[in-house]
Protein backbone atom coordinates (compact mmCIF):
# COMPACT_ATOMS: atom_id res chain seq x y z
CA UNK A 1 -10.03 20.61 -5.18
CA UNK A 2 -9.53 18.62 -2.00
CA UNK A 3 -7.62 15.64 -1.23
CA UNK A 4 -10.37 12.77 -0.90
CA UNK A 5 -8.86 9.76 -2.78
CA UNK A 6 -5.57 9.31 -0.77
CA UNK A 7 -6.79 6.25 0.93
CA UNK A 8 -9.77 5.11 -1.69
CA UNK A 9 -9.00 1.94 -3.26
CA UNK A 10 -5.23 2.35 -2.97
CA UNK A 11 -2.65 -0.03 -1.49
CA UNK A 12 -3.48 2.66 1.57
CA UNK A 13 -6.63 1.05 1.89
CA UNK A 14 -5.60 -2.57 1.44
CA UNK A 15 -5.91 -5.16 4.39
CA UNK A 16 -2.19 -6.01 4.15
CA UNK A 17 -0.84 -2.12 4.35
CA UNK A 18 -3.35 -1.42 7.19
CA UNK A 19 -2.01 -4.76 9.07
CA UNK A 20 1.60 -3.65 8.52
CA UNK A 21 0.93 0.13 9.47
CA UNK A 22 -0.81 -1.11 12.86
CA UNK A 23 1.89 -3.44 13.67
CA UNK A 24 4.14 -0.89 13.30
CA UNK A 25 2.25 1.62 15.59
CA UNK A 26 2.16 -0.84 18.43
CA UNK A 27 5.83 -1.32 18.28
CA UNK A 28 6.03 2.71 19.10
CA UNK A 29 3.68 2.54 21.89
CA UNK A 30 1.68 0.42 24.38
CA UNK A 31 -1.85 0.33 23.98
CA UNK A 32 -4.84 -1.87 25.29
CA UNK A 33 -8.59 -2.17 25.86
CA UNK A 34 -8.94 1.14 27.65
CA UNK A 35 -6.72 3.36 25.25
CA UNK A 36 -8.10 6.42 23.68
CA UNK A 37 -6.99 7.24 20.20
CA UNK A 38 -7.39 10.43 18.23
CA UNK A 39 -6.78 10.56 14.56
CA UNK A 40 -6.46 13.65 12.81
CA UNK A 41 -6.82 13.62 9.30
CA UNK A 42 -8.33 9.80 9.07
CA UNK A 43 -9.91 9.89 5.65
CA UNK A 44 -12.10 7.09 5.73
CA UNK A 45 -10.77 5.97 9.15
CA UNK A 46 -9.97 2.45 8.19
CA UNK A 47 -6.69 2.34 9.86
CA UNK A 48 -8.03 2.90 13.34
CA UNK A 49 -11.03 0.95 12.88
CA UNK A 50 -8.79 -1.96 12.18
CA UNK A 51 -6.71 -1.28 15.06
CA UNK A 52 -10.22 -0.63 17.16
CA UNK A 53 -10.96 -4.31 16.47
CA UNK A 54 -7.36 -5.53 16.97
CA UNK A 55 -7.39 -3.99 20.47
CA UNK A 56 -10.93 -4.51 21.13
CA UNK A 57 -11.13 -1.14 22.11
CA UNK A 58 -14.02 0.09 24.72
CA UNK A 59 -14.02 3.45 23.17
CA UNK A 60 -14.40 4.25 19.61
CA UNK A 61 -11.21 6.04 18.36
CA UNK A 62 -11.89 9.74 17.11
CA UNK A 63 -11.18 10.41 13.53
CA UNK A 64 -11.04 14.20 12.30
CA UNK A 65 -11.11 15.00 8.72
CA UNK A 66 -12.80 18.07 6.53
CA UNK A 67 -14.19 15.56 4.17
CA UNK A 68 -17.30 13.42 4.88
CA UNK A 69 -16.97 9.96 3.45
CA UNK A 70 -19.69 7.63 2.85
CA UNK A 71 -17.93 4.67 3.14
CA UNK A 72 -16.04 5.90 6.36
CA UNK A 73 -15.62 3.12 8.85
CA UNK A 74 -18.16 2.71 11.41
CA UNK A 75 -15.72 1.53 14.17
CA UNK A 76 -14.80 4.94 14.81
CA UNK A 77 -16.28 8.18 15.79
CA UNK A 78 -16.07 10.45 12.91
CA UNK A 79 -16.09 14.36 13.60
CA UNK A 80 -16.02 17.01 10.50
CA UNK A 81 -14.28 19.72 12.46
CA UNK A 82 -10.96 21.50 12.14
CA UNK A 83 -8.34 19.73 14.26
CA UNK A 84 -7.16 22.88 16.11
CA UNK A 85 -10.81 23.96 17.16
CA UNK A 86 -11.73 20.46 18.31
CA UNK A 87 -8.53 20.17 20.51
CA UNK A 88 -9.25 23.65 21.98
CA UNK A 89 -12.73 23.04 23.10
CA UNK A 90 -12.38 19.24 24.14
CA UNK A 91 -11.64 18.02 27.53
CA UNK A 92 -10.65 14.40 26.01
CA UNK A 93 -7.26 13.26 26.73
CA UNK A 94 -5.70 10.65 24.47
CA UNK A 95 -3.06 7.85 24.77
CA UNK A 96 -2.04 8.26 20.87
CA UNK A 97 -2.82 10.93 18.60
CA UNK A 98 -2.00 10.14 15.03
CA UNK A 99 -1.29 12.72 12.32
CA UNK A 100 -0.64 10.87 9.15
CA UNK A 101 0.64 12.58 5.91
CA UNK A 102 -1.55 15.55 7.00
CA UNK A 103 0.96 18.09 8.58
CA UNK A 104 2.15 19.33 5.19
CA UNK A 105 -1.26 21.03 4.24
CA UNK A 106 -0.46 23.31 7.29
CA UNK A 107 1.48 26.68 7.34
CA UNK A 108 4.10 26.69 9.92
CA UNK A 109 2.25 28.80 12.21
CA UNK A 110 -0.84 26.20 12.34
CA UNK A 111 1.74 23.38 12.55
CA UNK A 112 3.16 24.80 15.93
CA UNK A 113 -0.26 25.55 17.36
CA UNK A 114 -1.36 21.98 16.52
CA UNK A 115 1.06 20.28 17.79
CA UNK A 116 1.31 22.19 20.82
CA UNK A 117 -2.77 21.65 21.47
CA UNK A 118 -1.89 17.90 20.78
CA UNK A 119 0.49 17.76 23.80
CA UNK A 120 -1.80 19.14 26.10
CA UNK A 121 -4.04 16.67 25.25
CA UNK A 122 -1.68 13.48 25.98
CA UNK A 123 -2.48 11.36 28.89
CA UNK A 124 0.66 10.76 31.15
CA UNK A 125 2.22 8.05 29.05
CA UNK A 126 0.89 9.38 25.88
CA UNK A 127 2.27 10.01 22.29
CA UNK A 128 1.86 11.75 19.06
CA UNK A 129 3.09 9.99 16.09
CA UNK A 130 3.50 12.42 12.97
CA UNK A 131 4.12 10.60 9.74
CA UNK A 132 5.58 12.45 6.81
CA UNK A 133 6.71 11.04 3.00
CA UNK A 134 10.48 9.96 3.50
CA UNK A 135 12.23 13.00 2.18
CA UNK A 136 15.47 11.58 1.05
CA UNK A 137 15.02 8.47 -0.78
CA UNK A 138 11.33 8.39 -1.94
CA UNK A 139 10.54 5.77 -4.47
CA UNK A 140 6.79 6.90 -5.56
CA UNK A 141 6.70 6.60 -9.21
CA UNK A 142 6.17 9.94 -10.85
CA UNK A 143 6.00 11.51 -14.28
CA UNK A 144 8.23 14.69 -15.06
CA UNK A 145 5.93 17.53 -13.61
CA UNK A 146 4.71 15.17 -10.70
CA UNK A 147 8.24 14.63 -9.93
CA UNK A 148 9.36 18.38 -9.76
CA UNK A 149 6.38 19.18 -7.25
CA UNK A 150 7.05 16.39 -5.25
CA UNK A 151 10.44 17.51 -4.62
CA UNK A 152 9.28 20.86 -3.89
CA UNK A 153 6.93 18.98 -1.43
CA UNK A 154 9.63 17.04 0.19
CA UNK A 155 11.91 19.93 0.53
CA UNK A 156 9.10 21.57 2.48
CA UNK A 157 8.50 18.36 4.54
CA UNK A 158 12.38 18.51 5.37
CA UNK A 159 11.78 22.10 6.67
CA UNK A 160 8.83 20.98 8.84
CA UNK A 161 10.57 18.13 10.13
CA UNK A 162 13.82 20.53 11.12
CA UNK A 163 11.07 23.09 12.56
CA UNK A 164 9.62 20.51 14.94
CA UNK A 165 12.93 19.17 15.92
CA UNK A 166 14.13 22.67 17.06
CA UNK A 167 10.96 23.07 18.76
CA UNK A 168 11.13 19.63 20.57
CA UNK A 169 14.61 18.63 21.04
CA UNK A 170 13.50 15.16 22.76
CA UNK A 171 11.54 14.24 19.34
CA UNK A 172 12.42 10.97 18.16
CA UNK A 173 12.51 9.81 14.31
CA UNK A 174 11.60 6.18 12.98
CA UNK A 175 10.94 4.95 9.54
CA UNK A 176 8.25 2.99 8.28
CA UNK A 177 8.24 1.21 4.78
CA UNK A 178 5.84 -0.78 2.91
CA UNK A 179 6.47 -3.01 -0.21
CA UNK A 180 3.61 -2.00 -3.15
CA UNK A 181 2.74 -4.30 -5.80
CA UNK A 182 0.41 -2.61 -8.12
CA UNK A 183 -0.71 -2.94 -11.72
CA UNK A 184 0.39 0.28 -13.99
CA UNK A 185 -3.29 0.43 -15.20
CA UNK A 186 -4.63 0.66 -11.14
CA UNK A 187 -1.75 3.40 -10.57
CA UNK A 188 -2.93 5.47 -13.69
CA UNK A 189 -6.33 5.43 -12.28
CA UNK A 190 -4.92 6.56 -8.96
CA UNK A 191 -3.11 9.40 -10.28
CA UNK A 192 -6.47 10.40 -12.49
CA UNK A 193 -8.34 10.45 -9.29
CA UNK A 194 -5.27 12.72 -7.79
CA UNK A 195 -4.36 10.50 -4.70
CA UNK A 196 -1.74 12.58 -3.48
CA UNK A 197 -1.69 16.37 -2.60
CA UNK A 198 0.91 17.41 -5.26
CA UNK A 199 -1.80 16.30 -7.87
CA UNK A 200 -4.44 18.77 -6.88
CA UNK A 201 -3.24 21.82 -8.48
CA UNK A 202 -2.66 20.17 -12.08
CA UNK A 203 -5.16 20.62 -15.10
CA UNK A 204 -6.88 17.59 -16.59
CA UNK A 205 -4.65 17.53 -19.55
CA UNK A 206 -1.59 17.81 -17.25
CA UNK A 207 -2.71 14.89 -15.75
CA UNK A 208 -3.83 12.79 -18.83
CA UNK A 209 -0.05 13.63 -20.40
CA UNK A 210 1.33 12.64 -17.23
CA UNK A 211 -0.69 9.20 -17.05
CA UNK A 212 0.60 8.81 -20.75
CA UNK A 213 4.18 9.35 -19.54
CA UNK A 214 3.73 6.99 -16.92
CA UNK A 215 2.83 4.41 -18.95
CA UNK A 216 5.61 4.57 -21.82
CA UNK A 217 8.37 4.61 -19.16
CA UNK A 218 7.12 1.71 -17.00
CA UNK A 219 6.52 -1.77 -17.00
CA UNK A 220 2.67 -3.14 -16.50
CA UNK A 221 3.47 -4.01 -12.91
CA UNK A 222 5.14 -1.56 -10.43
CA UNK A 223 7.37 -2.83 -7.49
CA UNK A 224 8.40 0.18 -4.89
CA UNK A 225 8.56 0.92 -1.53
CA UNK A 226 5.97 3.58 0.19
CA UNK A 227 8.55 5.03 2.62
CA UNK A 228 7.24 7.31 5.89
CA UNK A 229 9.29 9.17 8.45
CA UNK A 230 7.49 8.75 11.71
CA UNK A 231 8.20 11.58 14.20
CA UNK A 232 7.23 10.76 17.97
CA UNK A 233 6.69 13.11 20.58
CA UNK A 234 6.11 12.26 24.43
CA UNK A 235 3.87 13.94 26.79
């Protein structure tokens, strides 16, 4: 089972979230109409599609993903290809390479290779912005089994951050946070659709039991902060 619902009718696909996220991006790097952008693990491409319109980009941002979504954003140039293979076979250089909540799906050898290839594809003042979930004060609502799996995943994310920090001592770290307000019913549907990778290996019964647990232990409205760590690498 693949991760195909992370940006499908969730707060991550809302106009408010996309606007907030893109404002954060633009505080980290100067972009203009001539900027060239690559998004690795782009999903439906709504974030860069919106950014493309905001900046009135001359060239469509390039989005790479292993899933082909029928409702992908028409404002990006979508490619279904392995990211490392694309980087090794393409001569394009970019002002921004975005890797949002994708790196944790790779082993350490591939992470090292991917980031190394990305750095060779940056323009002179280009940057890589790499996002992971906040590892220490994460507020994502969970049920017991989901919480256990999330803890394991976040511990691995900590190791990835340490690994990259040792490889690239000049790496910078920033924090992004978005206030989420969502109905318990909608959040339960997101869990059912396995919106986050820690849910992919769970059986249908485990998911249903988890939804029941969430419904019993929470109010009808959920309020929490979706927190991310942003790692910034320069050319």
